[in-house]
Amino acid sequence: MCLCMYFILSFLRLSQYNSSIYLFVSSSSLGCTLQGSIFSNAVLSGTSFAGADLTDSDFTDTYMGEFDLKNLCKNPTLSGTNPKTQAPTKESAGCK
């Protein structure tokens, strides 16, 4: 797992009981495995998920800019359903 994404996942785990998570990341997750991640209620401004494996991830109520969302929706691994939240990955990200 990439170091920057390890930090993000650790932060999200520590903040899982908060009603909102504000996370500003401006680095890339190129080549990271983020299968089954839960990013709900996070602000992922300026984040690139290019090359990341996002299978079974949950992006419910996540905010990211239109440019970042457009690039996220191009990720071929944006598929499946999160096993914990039952949220469909592509739909939770707001991709059509």
Protein backbone atom coordinates (compact mmCIF):
# COMPACT_ATOMS: atom_id res chain seq x y z
CA MET A 1 0.00 0.00 0.00
CA CYS A 2 1.27 3.49 -0.81
CA LEU A 3 2.41 5.60 2.13
CA CYS A 4 0.11 8.53 1.38
CA MET A 5 -2.91 6.26 1.16
CA TYR A 6 -1.87 4.51 4.38
CA PHE A 7 -2.09 7.91 6.08
CA ILE A 8 -5.52 8.53 4.58
CA LEU A 9 -6.88 5.14 5.61
CA SER A 10 -5.48 5.54 9.14
CA PHE A 11 -7.08 8.98 9.39
CA LEU A 12 -10.42 7.65 8.19
CA ARG A 13 -10.32 4.76 10.67
CA LEU A 14 -9.62 7.16 13.54
CA SER A 15 -12.42 9.46 12.39
CA GLN A 16 -15.04 6.82 11.68
CA TYR A 17 -17.30 8.00 14.51
CA ASN A 18 -17.39 11.66 13.43
CA SER A 19 -20.40 12.85 11.46
CA SER A 20 -18.13 14.62 8.97
CA ILE A 21 -14.58 14.06 7.85
CA TYR A 22 -12.63 16.84 6.17
CA LEU A 23 -9.67 15.41 4.35
CA PHE A 24 -7.70 17.48 1.89
CA VAL A 25 -5.25 15.47 -0.14
CA SER A 26 -3.27 16.73 -3.08
CA SER A 27 -1.20 13.67 -3.83
CA SER A 28 -1.63 10.73 -6.14
CA SER A 29 -2.62 7.20 -5.23
CA LEU A 30 -0.98 5.71 -8.31
CA GLY A 31 -0.77 1.94 -8.00
CA CYS A 32 -2.38 1.72 -4.54
CA THR A 33 -4.81 -1.00 -3.54
CA LEU A 34 -7.83 0.59 -1.87
CA GLN A 35 -10.24 -2.31 -2.20
CA GLY A 36 -13.16 -2.03 0.20
CA SER A 37 -12.25 1.47 1.41
CA ILE A 38 -14.97 3.65 2.93
CA PHE A 39 -14.57 7.32 2.03
CA SER A 40 -18.08 8.42 3.05
CA ASN A 41 -18.46 12.05 4.22
CA ALA A 42 -14.86 12.84 3.21
CA VAL A 43 -13.65 15.87 1.28
CA LEU A 44 -11.23 14.52 -1.31
CA SER A 45 -10.25 17.77 -2.97
CA GLY A 46 -7.42 17.54 -5.49
CA THR A 47 -7.05 13.79 -5.09
CA SER A 48 -6.02 11.58 -7.99
CA PHE A 49 -7.08 7.97 -7.89
CA ALA A 50 -5.32 7.24 -11.20
CA GLY A 51 -4.03 3.69 -11.18
CA ALA A 52 -5.58 2.88 -7.80
CA ASP A 53 -7.65 -0.28 -7.31
CA LEU A 54 -11.00 1.00 -6.00
CA THR A 55 -12.97 -2.24 -6.21
CA ASP A 56 -15.76 -2.39 -3.56
CA SER A 57 -15.03 1.13 -2.22
CA ASP A 58 -17.76 3.42 -0.82
CA PHE A 59 -17.82 7.13 -1.77
CA THR A 60 -21.24 7.96 -0.27
CA ASP A 61 -21.63 11.71 0.43
CA THR A 62 -18.00 12.34 -0.51
CA TYR A 63 -17.11 15.72 -1.98
CA MET A 64 -14.60 16.18 -4.76
CA GLY A 65 -14.45 18.73 -7.54
CA GLU A 66 -15.96 18.03 -10.95
CA PHE A 67 -12.55 17.59 -12.59
CA ASP A 68 -11.47 15.04 -9.98
CA LEU A 69 -14.82 13.23 -10.18
CA LYS A 70 -14.58 13.02 -13.96
CA ASN A 71 -11.15 11.40 -13.66
CA LEU A 72 -12.32 9.10 -10.86
CA CYS A 73 -15.18 7.84 -13.03
CA LYS A 74 -12.65 6.80 -15.71
CA ASN A 75 -10.97 4.34 -13.29
CA PRO A 76 -11.71 0.83 -14.65
CA THR A 77 -11.69 -0.70 -11.15
CA LEU A 78 -14.56 1.49 -9.93
CA SER A 79 -16.93 -1.45 -9.55
CA GLY A 80 -18.52 -3.80 -7.07
CA THR A 81 -20.33 -3.25 -3.78
CA ASN A 82 -18.74 -2.38 -0.44
CA PRO A 83 -19.14 -5.45 1.80
CA LYS A 84 -19.66 -3.42 4.99
CA THR A 85 -21.96 -0.60 3.81
CA GLN A 86 -23.55 -2.42 0.83
CA ALA A 87 -23.07 0.76 -1.24
CA PRO A 88 -22.45 0.17 -4.95
CA THR A 89 -19.05 1.67 -5.73
CA LYS A 90 -19.72 3.44 -9.02
CA GLU A 91 -23.09 4.85 -7.94
CA SER A 92 -21.79 6.02 -4.54
CA ALA A 93 -19.07 7.96 -6.34
CA GLY A 94 -21.69 9.72 -8.46
CA CYS A 95 -20.58 8.17 -11.74
CA LYS A 96 -23.07 7.29 -14.45
